[in-house]
Amino acid sequence: MPLSTKDALDKLAKQLILNEKQRVTLIAYASAAGDQVSTARRVSLSRALSVRAYLIDAGVNNLRINVQAEGDKNPGGDPDRVDLFVQ
């Protein structure tokens, strides 16, 4: 996980801890070349789980974090990323 994302994740963790009604969904993507679709899915899952582990280590209850690994099914933007949605 890039160091540049840690401040944003720390801020999100504090927000989630303060508001117990909020949940977060992590949707991860990974680029794939040719027949590497299953590899892209595994990479995207690994990315999402890394973010999830960081939030749990920061004190967020794991039951409030949803994870989706979309692999190379990128709707636009950087093909190698994790999107976070707070509900």
Protein backbone atom coordinates (compact mmCIF):
# COMPACT_ATOMS: atom_id res chain seq x y z
CA MET A 1 0.00 0.00 0.00
CA PRO A 2 1.49 3.36 -0.97
CA LEU A 3 2.46 5.65 1.90
CA SER A 4 0.43 8.42 0.27
CA THR A 5 -2.80 6.58 1.12
CA LYS A 6 -2.11 6.05 4.82
CA ASP A 7 -3.23 9.53 5.89
CA ALA A 8 -6.54 9.15 4.04
CA LEU A 9 -7.07 5.68 5.52
CA ASP A 10 -6.26 6.94 9.03
CA LYS A 11 -8.83 9.72 8.58
CA LEU A 12 -11.42 7.22 7.33
CA ALA A 13 -10.73 4.87 10.24
CA LYS A 14 -11.28 7.70 12.75
CA GLN A 15 -14.52 8.65 11.00
CA LEU A 16 -15.79 5.06 11.10
CA ILE A 17 -14.84 4.64 14.76
CA LEU A 18 -16.67 7.84 15.71
CA ASN A 19 -19.81 6.93 13.75
CA GLU A 20 -20.71 3.31 14.43
CA LYS A 21 -23.61 3.37 11.95
CA GLN A 22 -21.29 3.86 8.99
CA ARG A 23 -19.95 0.99 6.92
CA VAL A 24 -17.37 0.95 4.15
CA THR A 25 -17.29 -1.04 0.94
CA LEU A 26 -13.95 -1.68 -0.73
CA ILE A 27 -14.11 -2.41 -4.47
CA ALA A 28 -10.74 -3.41 -5.88
CA TYR A 29 -9.53 -3.65 -9.48
CA ALA A 30 -6.41 -4.97 -11.19
CA SER A 31 -5.28 -4.82 -14.79
CA ALA A 32 -5.03 -8.02 -16.81
CA ALA A 33 -3.35 -8.88 -20.06
CA GLY A 34 -4.86 -11.53 -22.31
CA ASP A 35 -5.89 -14.65 -20.43
CA GLN A 36 -4.81 -13.42 -16.98
CA VAL A 37 -8.35 -12.66 -15.78
CA SER A 38 -8.12 -15.00 -12.78
CA THR A 39 -4.77 -13.48 -11.81
CA ALA A 40 -6.28 -10.00 -11.95
CA ARG A 41 -9.09 -11.13 -9.67
CA ARG A 42 -6.63 -12.54 -7.13
CA VAL A 43 -4.53 -9.37 -7.25
CA SER A 44 -7.59 -7.17 -6.75
CA LEU A 45 -8.71 -9.33 -3.80
CA SER A 46 -5.26 -9.04 -2.25
CA ARG A 47 -5.42 -5.25 -2.62
CA ALA A 48 -8.82 -5.02 -0.97
CA LEU A 49 -7.79 -7.32 1.88
CA SER A 50 -4.70 -5.19 2.48
CA VAL A 51 -6.84 -2.07 2.89
CA ARG A 52 -9.28 -4.03 5.07
CA ALA A 53 -6.44 -5.25 7.32
CA TYR A 54 -5.15 -1.69 7.68
CA LEU A 55 -8.57 -0.42 8.76
CA ILE A 56 -9.01 -3.31 11.21
CA ASP A 57 -5.56 -2.61 12.70
CA ALA A 58 -6.66 1.02 13.11
CA GLY A 59 -9.62 -0.13 15.21
CA VAL A 60 -12.49 -0.51 12.73
CA ASN A 61 -14.76 -3.50 13.39
CA ASN A 62 -14.28 -6.05 10.60
CA LEU A 63 -18.05 -6.59 10.32
CA ARG A 64 -18.40 -3.03 9.04
CA ILE A 65 -16.10 -3.57 6.05
CA ASN A 66 -17.36 -5.17 2.82
CA VAL A 67 -14.88 -6.36 0.19
CA GLN A 68 -15.45 -6.84 -3.55
CA ALA A 69 -12.73 -8.02 -5.92
CA GLU A 70 -13.64 -7.05 -9.47
CA GLY A 71 -10.39 -8.04 -11.18
CA ASP A 72 -10.15 -6.44 -14.61
CA LYS A 73 -13.82 -5.33 -14.73
CA ASN A 74 -12.82 -1.69 -14.56
CA PRO A 75 -15.61 0.86 -15.18
CA GLY A 76 -13.04 3.59 -15.85
CA GLY A 77 -10.09 5.22 -14.18
CA ASP A 78 -6.86 3.66 -12.99
CA PRO A 79 -7.06 -0.10 -13.62
CA ASP A 80 -5.05 -0.83 -10.44
CA ARG A 81 -6.92 0.68 -7.52
CA VAL A 82 -9.27 0.23 -4.56
CA ASP A 83 -12.39 2.40 -4.40
CA LEU A 84 -13.88 3.10 -0.98
CA PHE A 85 -17.58 3.85 -0.46
CA VAL A 86 -18.85 4.92 2.96
CA GLN A 87 -22.53 4.24 3.69
